[in-house]
Amino acid sequence: MLPPLLSIHELQIALPGAESSWASSYEEWSFRAPPSSTGSVCSAIARVSAGVATQEDSGQPTRLIALFTTFVQQVASQNLSRVMMECHEADANQMSAPALGPTDKLWQTPFDALSKTGCSQPLSQAAAQDIRPDAIAFAVDARLLAILAFTPSRLLLPFSKWQTSAHGCSKARQELLEILSNDAPRARYCLYLSAQLFRHFRTTQASSYFDTLALLMCVLYLVSYIELVELRQRPGTTSRAGDTTSVAKAIRLDQALGDGERDDWLNGKCQSRPHVTGLGLLDTDRSVARVFKEASRISMDNAARSTLAKAMSAIYASQATGRPPDFPNDQSES
């Protein structure tokens, strides 16, 4: 199903007030001038796209609204383009593929700018201890949406056998393999973002529904990358004696990296083996099982605060044994 594009009316909704207004005390508010117009969502996105964002556009609520708006619009445009191409391929009488307009780029430019800003913000507790919670939320959301913009959930879920058929799983696997193979630097970058998110969820008490689902998307990307990239590139890494990959340097993706080391790995200039704290090396036969086991443990730690996290813990544990997700009927009292 195609998600609906936001209407003109929705894009013209006024943005939240300036950060300084929200932070003012009652006494300070009484002496402030009436807040001026903050503009609309559309105007803020246009300024970000043109590279002329104002101070009001840098507020966390505004950036979150603009980030999710551009993501929704971009995904809707991509889905429409995908359906048009599928219809073209199915129509033998069609002589040429439908020409795609500039709609995709219209939303991709501001999304890329906002995503880049959010992904550059720290997530570690030591680095982020003086940062407001909404800034952490923007950093988490930017990383998550950057991953989903590259590998959509419509592929990540069926690839891991979430409520799909064998045909659906096979089709998702084929599409994901093509995506990851065609843009290896971006695939590594999303693995880097996933490692940062995984560390964040390991070291914080994140029990909201959004946090639980964000962890799921992070886990599914890690699993897809391991199976479709790492294990295909290094078959039998743990069993072949004398294999040079067994002594290759590990790159700890969830730790602080120098720009040079990170960029060399992202661009494929070095063949370091990716490593994530709590998961170990990501190119071994047991890597996928470790991802699911650790995700189960993280979710169980939050089970007392979230029934969804408790349910997800059991599902991850099931997948760690190689079984597809099991969704028991909810028999709890309403």
C-alpha atoms as a PDB file:
ATOM      1  CA  MET A   1       0.000   0.000   0.000  1.00  0.00           C
ATOM      2  CA  LEU A   2       1.297   3.445  -0.923  1.00  0.00           C
ATOM      3  CA  PRO A   3       1.514   5.841   2.040  1.00  0.00           C
ATOM      4  CA  PRO A   4      -0.340   9.071   1.271  1.00  0.00           C
ATOM      5  CA  LEU A   5       1.635  12.181   0.539  1.00  0.00           C
ATOM      6  CA  LEU A   6       1.044  14.988   3.000  1.00  0.00           C
ATOM      7  CA  SER A   7      -1.522  17.471   1.777  1.00  0.00           C
ATOM      8  CA  ILE A   8      -0.815  21.127   1.082  1.00  0.00           C
ATOM      9  CA  HIS A   9      -2.798  21.983   4.217  1.00  0.00           C
ATOM     10  CA  GLU A  10      -0.623  19.715   6.365  1.00  0.00           C
ATOM     11  CA  LEU A  11       2.589  21.156   4.955  1.00  0.00           C
ATOM     12  CA  GLN A  12       1.388  24.646   5.872  1.00  0.00           C
ATOM     13  CA  ILE A  13       0.846  23.819   9.562  1.00  0.00           C
ATOM     14  CA  ALA A  14       2.688  26.296  11.777  1.00  0.00           C
ATOM     15  CA  LEU A  15       5.869  25.125  13.465  1.00  0.00           C
ATOM     16  CA  PRO A  16       6.306  25.061  17.252  1.00  0.00           C
ATOM     17  CA  GLY A  17       7.482  28.243  18.927  1.00  0.00           C
ATOM     18  CA  ALA A  18      11.145  29.109  19.307  1.00  0.00           C
ATOM     19  CA  GLU A  19      13.270  27.141  21.783  1.00  0.00           C
ATOM     20  CA  SER A  20      13.848  30.274  23.866  1.00  0.00           C
ATOM     21  CA  SER A  21      10.106  30.670  24.381  1.00  0.00           C
ATOM     22  CA  TRP A  22       9.617  27.104  25.593  1.00  0.00           C
ATOM     23  CA  ALA A  23      12.564  27.429  27.968  1.00  0.00           C
ATOM     24  CA  SER A  24      11.324  30.659  29.555  1.00  0.00           C
ATOM     25  CA  SER A  25      10.001  30.712  33.106  1.00  0.00           C
ATOM     26  CA  TYR A  26       6.669  32.323  33.987  1.00  0.00           C
ATOM     27  CA  GLU A  27       8.408  35.552  35.020  1.00  0.00           C
ATOM     28  CA  GLU A  28      10.541  35.641  31.885  1.00  0.00           C
ATOM     29  CA  TRP A  29       7.530  34.918  29.702  1.00  0.00           C
ATOM     30  CA  SER A  30       5.593  37.866  31.126  1.00  0.00           C
ATOM     31  CA  PHE A  31       8.366  40.264  30.074  1.00  0.00           C
ATOM     32  CA  ARG A  32       8.908  38.793  26.621  1.00  0.00           C
ATOM     33  CA  ALA A  33       7.416  40.243  23.499  1.00  0.00           C
ATOM     34  CA  PRO A  34       4.641  38.148  21.932  1.00  0.00           C
ATOM     35  CA  PRO A  35       6.249  35.351  19.920  1.00  0.00           C
ATOM     36  CA  SER A  36       6.465  36.072  16.239  1.00  0.00           C
ATOM     37  CA  SER A  37       5.209  33.745  13.536  1.00  0.00           C
ATOM     38  CA  THR A  38       7.391  30.664  13.228  1.00  0.00           C
ATOM     39  CA  GLY A  39       6.452  29.906   9.643  1.00  0.00           C
ATOM     40  CA  SER A  40       5.219  26.612   8.254  1.00  0.00           C
ATOM     41  CA  VAL A  41       6.681  23.131   7.940  1.00  0.00           C
ATOM     42  CA  CYS A  42       7.030  23.642   4.195  1.00  0.00           C
ATOM     43  CA  SER A  43       8.897  26.945   4.545  1.00  0.00           C
ATOM     44  CA  ALA A  44      11.355  25.416   7.043  1.00  0.00           C
ATOM     45  CA  ILE A  45      12.055  22.483   4.701  1.00  0.00           C
ATOM     46  CA  ALA A  46      12.552  24.892   1.802  1.00  0.00           C
ATOM     47  CA  ARG A  47      15.113  26.877   3.819  1.00  0.00           C
ATOM     48  CA  VAL A  48      16.968  23.710   4.812  1.00  0.00           C
ATOM     49  CA  SER A  49      17.002  22.563   1.186  1.00  0.00           C
ATOM     50  CA  ALA A  50      18.384  25.924   0.048  1.00  0.00           C
ATOM     51  CA  GLY A  51      21.035  25.931   2.786  1.00  0.00           C
ATOM     52  CA  VAL A  52      19.693  29.106   4.402  1.00  0.00           C
ATOM     53  CA  ALA A  53      18.157  27.647   7.587  1.00  0.00           C
ATOM     54  CA  THR A  54      17.504  30.237  10.291  1.00  0.00           C
ATOM     55  CA  GLN A  55      18.077  29.969  14.036  1.00  0.00           C
ATOM     56  CA  GLU A  56      14.415  29.015  14.489  1.00  0.00           C
ATOM     57  CA  ASP A  57      14.907  26.106  12.093  1.00  0.00           C
ATOM     58  CA  SER A  58      17.650  24.681  14.349  1.00  0.00           C
ATOM     59  CA  GLY A  59      15.295  23.953  17.257  1.00  0.00           C
ATOM     60  CA  GLN A  60      14.953  20.239  17.992  1.00  0.00           C
ATOM     61  CA  PRO A  61      11.132  20.066  17.591  1.00  0.00           C
ATOM     62  CA  THR A  62      11.350  21.847  14.236  1.00  0.00           C
ATOM     63  CA  ARG A  63      14.157  19.614  13.014  1.00  0.00           C
ATOM     64  CA  LEU A  64      12.311  16.469  14.084  1.00  0.00           C
ATOM     65  CA  ILE A  65       9.165  17.584  12.265  1.00  0.00           C
ATOM     66  CA  ALA A  66      11.136  18.449   9.129  1.00  0.00           C
ATOM     67  CA  LEU A  67      13.121  15.190   9.285  1.00  0.00           C
ATOM     68  CA  PHE A  68      10.053  12.945   9.503  1.00  0.00           C
ATOM     69  CA  THR A  69       8.128  15.019   6.942  1.00  0.00           C
ATOM     70  CA  THR A  70      10.859  14.781   4.326  1.00  0.00           C
ATOM     71  CA  PHE A  71      11.298  11.056   5.055  1.00  0.00           C
ATOM     72  CA  VAL A  72       7.582  10.321   4.577  1.00  0.00           C
ATOM     73  CA  GLN A  73       7.425  12.368   1.393  1.00  0.00           C
ATOM     74  CA  GLN A  74      10.587  10.804   0.001  1.00  0.00           C
ATOM     75  CA  VAL A  75       9.434   7.243   0.709  1.00  0.00           C
ATOM     76  CA  ALA A  76       6.030   7.938  -0.840  1.00  0.00           C
ATOM     77  CA  SER A  77       7.691   9.299  -3.987  1.00  0.00           C
ATOM     78  CA  GLN A  78      10.038   6.310  -4.180  1.00  0.00           C
ATOM     79  CA  ASN A  79       7.146   3.876  -3.755  1.00  0.00           C
ATOM     80  CA  LEU A  80       5.194   5.592  -6.506  1.00  0.00           C
ATOM     81  CA  SER A  81       8.214   5.415  -8.813  1.00  0.00           C
ATOM     82  CA  ARG A  82       8.710   1.726  -7.947  1.00  0.00           C
ATOM     83  CA  VAL A  83       5.074   0.868  -8.719  1.00  0.00           C
ATOM     84  CA  MET A  84       5.246   2.785 -11.995  1.00  0.00           C
ATOM     85  CA  MET A  85       8.334   0.813 -13.024  1.00  0.00           C
ATOM     86  CA  GLU A  86       6.704  -2.497 -12.053  1.00  0.00           C
ATOM     87  CA  CYS A  87       3.640  -1.607 -14.126  1.00  0.00           C
ATOM     88  CA  HIS A  88       5.898  -0.691 -17.035  1.00  0.00           C
ATOM     89  CA  GLU A  89       7.729  -4.014 -16.847  1.00  0.00           C
ATOM     90  CA  ALA A  90       4.437  -5.906 -16.714  1.00  0.00           C
ATOM     91  CA  ASP A  91       3.006  -4.074 -19.729  1.00  0.00           C
ATOM     92  CA  ALA A  92       4.403  -5.593 -22.900  1.00  0.00           C
ATOM     93  CA  ASN A  93       2.862  -2.809 -25.016  1.00  0.00           C
ATOM     94  CA  GLN A  94       4.786  -0.072 -23.184  1.00  0.00           C
ATOM     95  CA  MET A  95       7.674   1.041 -25.393  1.00  0.00           C
ATOM     96  CA  SER A  96       9.582   3.179 -22.898  1.00  0.00           C
ATOM     97  CA  ALA A  97       9.767   3.541 -19.156  1.00  0.00           C
ATOM     98  CA  PRO A  98       7.820   6.434 -17.634  1.00  0.00           C
ATOM     99  CA  ALA A  99       9.918   9.526 -17.167  1.00  0.00           C
ATOM    100  CA  LEU A 100      10.485  10.365 -13.521  1.00  0.00           C
ATOM    101  CA  GLY A 101      10.166  13.980 -12.516  1.00  0.00           C
ATOM    102  CA  PRO A 102      12.176  15.915  -9.911  1.00  0.00           C
ATOM    103  CA  THR A 103       9.880  14.881  -7.036  1.00  0.00           C
ATOM    104  CA  ASP A 104      12.374  12.441  -5.528  1.00  0.00           C
ATOM    105  CA  LYS A 105      15.164  15.048  -5.394  1.00  0.00           C
ATOM    106  CA  LEU A 106      12.777  17.663  -3.997  1.00  0.00           C
ATOM    107  CA  TRP A 107      12.594  15.777  -0.692  1.00  0.00           C
ATOM    108  CA  GLN A 108      15.915  13.963  -0.795  1.00  0.00           C
ATOM    109  CA  THR A 109      18.010  17.148  -0.537  1.00  0.00           C
ATOM    110  CA  PRO A 110      16.537  18.448   2.746  1.00  0.00           C
ATOM    111  CA  PHE A 111      16.305  14.912   4.173  1.00  0.00           C
ATOM    112  CA  ASP A 112      19.981  14.284   3.461  1.00  0.00           C
ATOM    113  CA  ALA A 113      20.927  17.602   5.078  1.00  0.00           C
ATOM    114  CA  LEU A 114      18.857  16.965   8.217  1.00  0.00           C
ATOM    115  CA  SER A 115      19.952  13.337   8.436  1.00  0.00           C
ATOM    116  CA  LYS A 116      23.615  14.305   8.147  1.00  0.00           C
ATOM    117  CA  THR A 117      23.219  16.806  10.974  1.00  0.00           C
ATOM    118  CA  GLY A 118      21.511  14.284  13.240  1.00  0.00           C
ATOM    119  CA  CYS A 119      23.934  11.456  12.468  1.00  0.00           C
ATOM    120  CA  SER A 120      26.856  13.696  13.430  1.00  0.00           C
ATOM    121  CA  GLN A 121      25.480  14.218  16.937  1.00  0.00           C
ATOM    122  CA  PRO A 122      26.845  11.880  19.650  1.00  0.00           C
ATOM    123  CA  LEU A 123      24.871   9.074  21.221  1.00  0.00           C
ATOM    124  CA  SER A 124      27.298   7.818  23.853  1.00  0.00           C
ATOM    125  CA  GLN A 125      26.492   8.724  27.424  1.00  0.00           C
ATOM    126  CA  ALA A 126      29.912  10.241  28.049  1.00  0.00           C
ATOM    127  CA  ALA A 127      29.691  12.499  25.013  1.00  0.00           C
ATOM    128  CA  ALA A 128      26.011  13.328  25.378  1.00  0.00           C
ATOM    129  CA  GLN A 129      25.667  13.845  29.125  1.00  0.00           C
ATOM    130  CA  ASP A 130      25.190  17.594  28.739  1.00  0.00           C
ATOM    131  CA  ILE A 131      22.832  17.347  25.768  1.00  0.00           C
ATOM    132  CA  ARG A 132      19.076  17.685  26.161  1.00  0.00           C
ATOM    133  CA  PRO A 133      16.932  14.531  25.714  1.00  0.00           C
ATOM    134  CA  ASP A 134      15.263  15.937  22.581  1.00  0.00           C
ATOM    135  CA  ALA A 135      18.698  16.313  21.001  1.00  0.00           C
ATOM    136  CA  ILE A 136      19.379  12.632  21.704  1.00  0.00           C
ATOM    137  CA  ALA A 137      16.000  11.803  20.159  1.00  0.00           C
ATOM    138  CA  PHE A 138      16.943  13.708  16.999  1.00  0.00           C
ATOM    139  CA  ALA A 139      20.282  11.868  16.824  1.00  0.00           C
ATOM    140  CA  VAL A 140      18.558   8.479  17.216  1.00  0.00           C
ATOM    141  CA  ASP A 141      15.792   9.273  14.722  1.00  0.00           C
ATOM    142  CA  ALA A 142      18.227  10.598  12.116  1.00  0.00           C
ATOM    143  CA  ARG A 143      20.276   7.384  12.235  1.00  0.00           C
ATOM    144  CA  LEU A 144      17.200   5.176  12.113  1.00  0.00           C
ATOM    145  CA  LEU A 145      15.632   6.994   9.154  1.00  0.00           C
ATOM    146  CA  ALA A 146      18.946   7.051   7.279  1.00  0.00           C
ATOM    147  CA  ILE A 147      18.981   3.251   7.510  1.00  0.00           C
ATOM    148  CA  LEU A 148      15.336   2.900   6.456  1.00  0.00           C
ATOM    149  CA  ALA A 149      15.812   5.319   3.551  1.00  0.00           C
ATOM    150  CA  PHE A 150      18.465   2.930   2.225  1.00  0.00           C
ATOM    151  CA  THR A 151      16.891  -0.418   3.141  1.00  0.00           C
ATOM    152  CA  PRO A 152      13.134   0.037   3.687  1.00  0.00           C
ATOM    153  CA  SER A 153      11.227  -1.921   6.294  1.00  0.00           C
ATOM    154  CA  ARG A 154       9.146  -3.523   3.525  1.00  0.00           C
ATOM    155  CA  LEU A 155      12.322  -5.543   2.758  1.00  0.00           C
ATOM    156  CA  LEU A 156      13.970  -5.878   6.183  1.00  0.00           C
ATOM    157  CA  LEU A 157      10.898  -7.471   7.774  1.00  0.00           C
ATOM    158  CA  PRO A 158      10.172 -10.204   5.193  1.00  0.00           C
ATOM    159  CA  PHE A 159      13.904 -10.943   4.826  1.00  0.00           C
ATOM    160  CA  SER A 160      13.888 -12.051   8.469  1.00  0.00           C
ATOM    161  CA  LYS A 161      10.639 -13.995   7.877  1.00  0.00           C
ATOM    162  CA  TRP A 162       8.349 -11.548   9.641  1.00  0.00           C
ATOM    163  CA  GLN A 163       4.798 -12.488   8.627  1.00  0.00           C
ATOM    164  CA  THR A 164       5.653 -13.462   5.075  1.00  0.00           C
ATOM    165  CA  SER A 165       5.764 -16.485   2.805  1.00  0.00           C
ATOM    166  CA  ALA A 166       8.818 -18.297   1.507  1.00  0.00           C
ATOM    167  CA  HIS A 167       8.342 -16.440  -1.784  1.00  0.00           C
ATOM    168  CA  GLY A 168       8.155 -13.089   0.020  1.00  0.00           C
ATOM    169  CA  CYS A 169      11.327 -13.864   1.958  1.00  0.00           C
ATOM    170  CA  SER A 170      13.159 -14.895  -1.212  1.00  0.00           C
ATOM    171  CA  LYS A 171      12.049 -11.769  -3.071  1.00  0.00           C
ATOM    172  CA  ALA A 172      13.100  -9.494  -0.195  1.00  0.00           C
ATOM    173  CA  ARG A 173      16.469 -11.254  -0.030  1.00  0.00           C
ATOM    174  CA  GLN A 174      17.050 -10.671  -3.739  1.00  0.00           C
ATOM    175  CA  GLU A 175      16.136  -6.975  -3.532  1.00  0.00           C
ATOM    176  CA  LEU A 176      18.243  -6.390  -0.414  1.00  0.00           C
ATOM    177  CA  LEU A 177      21.219  -8.142  -1.956  1.00  0.00           C
ATOM    178  CA  GLU A 178      20.981  -5.868  -4.983  1.00  0.00           C
ATOM    179  CA  ILE A 179      20.703  -2.740  -2.822  1.00  0.00           C
ATOM    180  CA  LEU A 180      23.646  -3.651  -0.589  1.00  0.00           C
ATOM    181  CA  SER A 181      25.819  -4.728  -3.533  1.00  0.00           C
ATOM    182  CA  ASN A 182      25.150  -1.677  -5.690  1.00  0.00           C
ATOM    183  CA  ASP A 183      26.196   0.847  -3.027  1.00  0.00           C
ATOM    184  CA  ALA A 184      28.771  -0.763  -0.755  1.00  0.00           C
ATOM    185  CA  PRO A 185      29.953   2.503   0.894  1.00  0.00           C
ATOM    186  CA  ARG A 186      26.411   3.434   1.877  1.00  0.00           C
ATOM    187  CA  ALA A 187      25.771  -0.115   3.096  1.00  0.00           C
ATOM    188  CA  ARG A 188      28.840   0.125   5.354  1.00  0.00           C
ATOM    189  CA  TYR A 189      27.735   3.552   6.552  1.00  0.00           C
ATOM    190  CA  CYS A 190      24.353   2.166   7.590  1.00  0.00           C
ATOM    191  CA  LEU A 191      26.146  -0.679   9.394  1.00  0.00           C
ATOM    192  CA  TYR A 192      28.180   1.981  11.205  1.00  0.00           C
ATOM    193  CA  LEU A 193      24.956   3.780  12.192  1.00  0.00           C
ATOM    194  CA  SER A 194      23.363   0.489  13.290  1.00  0.00           C
ATOM    195  CA  ALA A 195      26.349  -0.266  15.516  1.00  0.00           C
ATOM    196  CA  GLN A 196      25.993   3.142  17.178  1.00  0.00           C
ATOM    197  CA  LEU A 197      22.264   2.621  17.716  1.00  0.00           C
ATOM    198  CA  PHE A 198      22.824  -0.862  19.107  1.00  0.00           C
ATOM    199  CA  ARG A 199      25.304   0.490  21.644  1.00  0.00           C
ATOM    200  CA  HIS A 200      22.823   3.229  22.565  1.00  0.00           C
ATOM    201  CA  PHE A 201      20.063   0.723  23.299  1.00  0.00           C
ATOM    202  CA  ARG A 202      22.481  -1.513  25.248  1.00  0.00           C
ATOM    203  CA  THR A 203      23.519   1.313  27.549  1.00  0.00           C
ATOM    204  CA  THR A 204      20.230   3.159  28.102  1.00  0.00           C
ATOM    205  CA  GLN A 205      16.828   2.287  29.500  1.00  0.00           C
ATOM    206  CA  ALA A 206      14.814   2.823  26.340  1.00  0.00           C
ATOM    207  CA  SER A 207      11.355   1.379  26.926  1.00  0.00           C
ATOM    208  CA  SER A 208       8.990   3.416  24.741  1.00  0.00           C
ATOM    209  CA  TYR A 209       7.212   1.767  21.812  1.00  0.00           C
ATOM    210  CA  PHE A 210       9.308   3.817  19.411  1.00  0.00           C
ATOM    211  CA  ASP A 211      12.559   2.711  21.090  1.00  0.00           C
ATOM    212  CA  THR A 212      11.481  -0.936  20.930  1.00  0.00           C
ATOM    213  CA  LEU A 213      10.642  -0.709  17.231  1.00  0.00           C
ATOM    214  CA  ALA A 214      13.816   1.289  16.515  1.00  0.00           C
ATOM    215  CA  LEU A 215      15.854  -1.517  18.094  1.00  0.00           C
ATOM    216  CA  LEU A 216      13.997  -3.999  15.867  1.00  0.00           C
ATOM    217  CA  MET A 217      14.928  -2.108  12.683  1.00  0.00           C
ATOM    218  CA  CYS A 218      18.514  -1.817  13.891  1.00  0.00           C
ATOM    219  CA  VAL A 219      18.677  -5.566  14.563  1.00  0.00           C
ATOM    220  CA  LEU A 220      17.154  -6.468  11.201  1.00  0.00           C
ATOM    221  CA  TYR A 221      19.675  -4.318   9.328  1.00  0.00           C
ATOM    222  CA  LEU A 222      22.567  -5.891  11.244  1.00  0.00           C
ATOM    223  CA  VAL A 223      21.262  -9.359  10.387  1.00  0.00           C
ATOM    224  CA  SER A 224      20.725  -8.549   6.706  1.00  0.00           C
ATOM    225  CA  TYR A 225      24.214  -7.051   6.372  1.00  0.00           C
ATOM    226  CA  ILE A 226      25.856 -10.006   8.102  1.00  0.00           C
ATOM    227  CA  GLU A 227      24.079 -12.581   5.942  1.00  0.00           C
ATOM    228  CA  LEU A 228      24.220 -10.774   2.603  1.00  0.00           C
ATOM    229  CA  VAL A 229      27.606  -9.076   2.836  1.00  0.00           C
ATOM    230  CA  GLU A 230      29.928 -10.386   5.538  1.00  0.00           C
ATOM    231  CA  LEU A 231      29.167 -14.097   5.265  1.00  0.00           C
ATOM    232  CA  ARG A 232      29.160 -13.946   1.465  1.00  0.00           C
ATOM    233  CA  GLN A 233      32.505 -12.155   1.363  1.00  0.00           C
ATOM    234  CA  ARG A 234      34.183 -14.372   3.947  1.00  0.00           C
ATOM    235  CA  PRO A 235      32.770 -17.893   3.645  1.00  0.00           C
ATOM    236  CA  GLY A 236      34.134 -20.238   6.309  1.00  0.00           C
ATOM    237  CA  THR A 237      36.039 -17.476   8.127  1.00  0.00           C
ATOM    238  CA  THR A 238      36.117 -19.419  11.377  1.00  0.00           C
ATOM    239  CA  SER A 239      36.982 -22.791   9.897  1.00  0.00           C
ATOM    240  CA  ARG A 240      39.614 -22.221   7.240  1.00  0.00           C
ATOM    241  CA  ALA A 241      43.119 -22.486   8.658  1.00  0.00           C
ATOM    242  CA  GLY A 242      45.547 -19.979   7.242  1.00  0.00           C
ATOM    243  CA  ASP A 243      42.828 -17.663   5.925  1.00  0.00           C
ATOM    244  CA  THR A 244      44.119 -14.085   6.021  1.00  0.00           C
ATOM    245  CA  THR A 245      40.759 -12.855   7.264  1.00  0.00           C
ATOM    246  CA  SER A 246      41.348 -14.715  10.529  1.00  0.00           C
ATOM    247  CA  VAL A 247      44.119 -12.267  11.436  1.00  0.00           C
ATOM    248  CA  ALA A 248      42.678  -9.140   9.827  1.00  0.00           C
ATOM    249  CA  LYS A 249      42.372  -6.128  12.091  1.00  0.00           C
ATOM    250  CA  ALA A 250      38.995  -5.538  13.738  1.00  0.00           C
ATOM    251  CA  ILE A 251      37.298  -2.162  13.472  1.00  0.00           C
ATOM    252  CA  ARG A 252      35.098  -1.382  16.489  1.00  0.00           C
ATOM    253  CA  LEU A 253      32.185   0.371  14.866  1.00  0.00           C
ATOM    254  CA  ASP A 254      30.403   1.360  18.091  1.00  0.00           C
ATOM    255  CA  GLN A 255      33.513   3.001  19.548  1.00  0.00           C
ATOM    256  CA  ALA A 256      35.065   6.377  18.767  1.00  0.00           C
ATOM    257  CA  LEU A 257      36.922   6.161  15.460  1.00  0.00           C
ATOM    258  CA  GLY A 258      39.326   8.550  13.828  1.00  0.00           C
ATOM    259  CA  ASP A 259      37.977  10.148  10.662  1.00  0.00           C
ATOM    260  CA  GLY A 260      40.731   8.561   8.606  1.00  0.00           C
ATOM    261  CA  GLU A 261      40.141   5.022   9.902  1.00  0.00           C
ATOM    262  CA  ARG A 262      36.387   5.340   9.514  1.00  0.00           C
ATOM    263  CA  ASP A 263      36.529   6.817   6.005  1.00  0.00           C
ATOM    264  CA  ASP A 264      39.034   4.223   4.786  1.00  0.00           C
ATOM    265  CA  TRP A 265      36.736   1.434   5.969  1.00  0.00           C
ATOM    266  CA  LEU A 266      33.597   3.071   4.561  1.00  0.00           C
ATOM    267  CA  ASN A 267      35.242   3.467   1.166  1.00  0.00           C
ATOM    268  CA  GLY A 268      36.613  -0.071   1.138  1.00  0.00           C
ATOM    269  CA  LYS A 269      40.268   0.985   1.318  1.00  0.00           C
ATOM    270  CA  CYS A 270      40.872  -1.383   4.216  1.00  0.00           C
ATOM    271  CA  GLN A 271      39.367  -4.809   4.902  1.00  0.00           C
ATOM    272  CA  SER A 272      39.037  -4.566   8.666  1.00  0.00           C
ATOM    273  CA  ARG A 273      36.562  -6.968  10.237  1.00  0.00           C
ATOM    274  CA  PRO A 274      33.556  -5.146  11.752  1.00  0.00           C
ATOM    275  CA  HIS A 275      33.123  -5.586  15.497  1.00  0.00           C
ATOM    276  CA  VAL A 276      30.364  -4.400  17.839  1.00  0.00           C
ATOM    277  CA  THR A 277      30.505  -4.534  21.629  1.00  0.00           C
ATOM    278  CA  GLY A 278      28.242  -7.297  22.907  1.00  0.00           C
ATOM    279  CA  LEU A 279      28.146  -8.975  19.495  1.00  0.00           C
ATOM    280  CA  GLY A 280      31.805  -9.557  18.707  1.00  0.00           C
ATOM    281  CA  LEU A 281      32.980  -9.894  15.127  1.00  0.00           C
ATOM    282  CA  LEU A 282      30.196  -9.741  12.559  1.00  0.00           C
ATOM    283  CA  ASP A 283      31.663 -12.179  10.027  1.00  0.00           C
ATOM    284  CA  THR A 284      31.399 -15.490  11.892  1.00  0.00           C
ATOM    285  CA  ASP A 285      28.884 -18.307  11.630  1.00  0.00           C
ATOM    286  CA  ARG A 286      27.309 -17.401  14.986  1.00  0.00           C
ATOM    287  CA  SER A 287      27.097 -13.651  14.393  1.00  0.00           C
ATOM    288  CA  VAL A 288      23.395 -13.620  13.490  1.00  0.00           C
ATOM    289  CA  ALA A 289      22.460 -15.719  16.516  1.00  0.00           C
ATOM    290  CA  ARG A 290      24.460 -13.386  18.784  1.00  0.00           C
ATOM    291  CA  VAL A 291      22.618 -10.348  17.411  1.00  0.00           C
ATOM    292  CA  PHE A 292      19.244 -11.900  18.234  1.00  0.00           C
ATOM    293  CA  LYS A 293      20.399 -13.162  21.642  1.00  0.00           C
ATOM    294  CA  GLU A 294      21.729  -9.774  22.692  1.00  0.00           C
ATOM    295  CA  ALA A 295      18.605  -8.044  21.383  1.00  0.00           C
ATOM    296  CA  SER A 296      16.553 -10.480  23.480  1.00  0.00           C
ATOM    297  CA  ARG A 297      18.593  -9.600  26.558  1.00  0.00           C
ATOM    298  CA  ILE A 298      18.246  -5.852  25.945  1.00  0.00           C
ATOM    299  CA  SER A 299      14.491  -6.186  25.524  1.00  0.00           C
ATOM    300  CA  MET A 300      14.142  -8.341  28.640  1.00  0.00           C
ATOM    301  CA  ASP A 301      15.976  -5.672  30.647  1.00  0.00           C
ATOM    302  CA  ASN A 302      13.151  -3.309  29.681  1.00  0.00           C
ATOM    303  CA  ALA A 303      10.354  -5.867  30.113  1.00  0.00           C
ATOM    304  CA  ALA A 304       9.301  -4.495  33.508  1.00  0.00           C
ATOM    305  CA  ARG A 305       8.607  -1.117  31.879  1.00  0.00           C
ATOM    306  CA  SER A 306       7.233  -2.260  28.516  1.00  0.00           C
ATOM    307  CA  THR A 307       4.979  -5.172  27.575  1.00  0.00           C
ATOM    308  CA  LEU A 308       6.061  -4.753  23.953  1.00  0.00           C
ATOM    309  CA  ALA A 309       9.733  -5.110  24.928  1.00  0.00           C
ATOM    310  CA  LYS A 310       8.864  -8.291  26.859  1.00  0.00           C
ATOM    311  CA  ALA A 311       7.095  -9.753  23.830  1.00  0.00           C
ATOM    312  CA  MET A 312       9.975  -8.786  21.550  1.00  0.00           C
ATOM    313  CA  SER A 313      12.458 -10.503  23.867  1.00  0.00           C
ATOM    314  CA  ALA A 314      10.715 -13.834  23.309  1.00  0.00           C
ATOM    315  CA  ILE A 315      10.578 -13.277  19.541  1.00  0.00           C
ATOM    316  CA  TYR A 316      14.303 -12.472  19.368  1.00  0.00           C
ATOM    317  CA  ALA A 317      15.092 -15.566  21.435  1.00  0.00           C
ATOM    318  CA  SER A 318      13.121 -17.665  18.964  1.00  0.00           C
ATOM    319  CA  GLN A 319      14.958 -16.190  15.984  1.00  0.00           C
ATOM    320  CA  ALA A 320      18.316 -16.810  17.673  1.00  0.00           C
ATOM    321  CA  THR A 321      17.625 -20.534  17.283  1.00  0.00           C
ATOM    322  CA  GLY A 322      16.893 -20.116  13.576  1.00  0.00           C
ATOM    323  CA  ARG A 323      13.114 -20.274  13.842  1.00  0.00           C
ATOM    324  CA  PRO A 324      10.874 -17.636  12.207  1.00  0.00           C
ATOM    325  CA  PRO A 325       9.181 -15.125  14.527  1.00  0.00           C
ATOM    326  CA  ASP A 326       6.327 -16.583  16.545  1.00  0.00           C
ATOM    327  CA  PHE A 327       3.392 -14.279  17.259  1.00  0.00           C
ATOM    328  CA  PRO A 328       1.199 -15.891  19.935  1.00  0.00           C
ATOM    329  CA  ASN A 329      -2.320 -14.618  20.411  1.00  0.00           C
ATOM    330  CA  ASP A 330      -2.574 -11.984  23.102  1.00  0.00           C
ATOM    331  CA  GLN A 331      -4.595 -13.629  25.840  1.00  0.00           C
ATOM    332  CA  SER A 332      -4.002 -10.973  28.481  1.00  0.00           C
ATOM    333  CA  GLU A 333      -6.932  -9.159  29.982  1.00  0.00           C
ATOM    334  CA  SER A 334      -7.739  -5.801  28.433  1.00  0.00           C
END
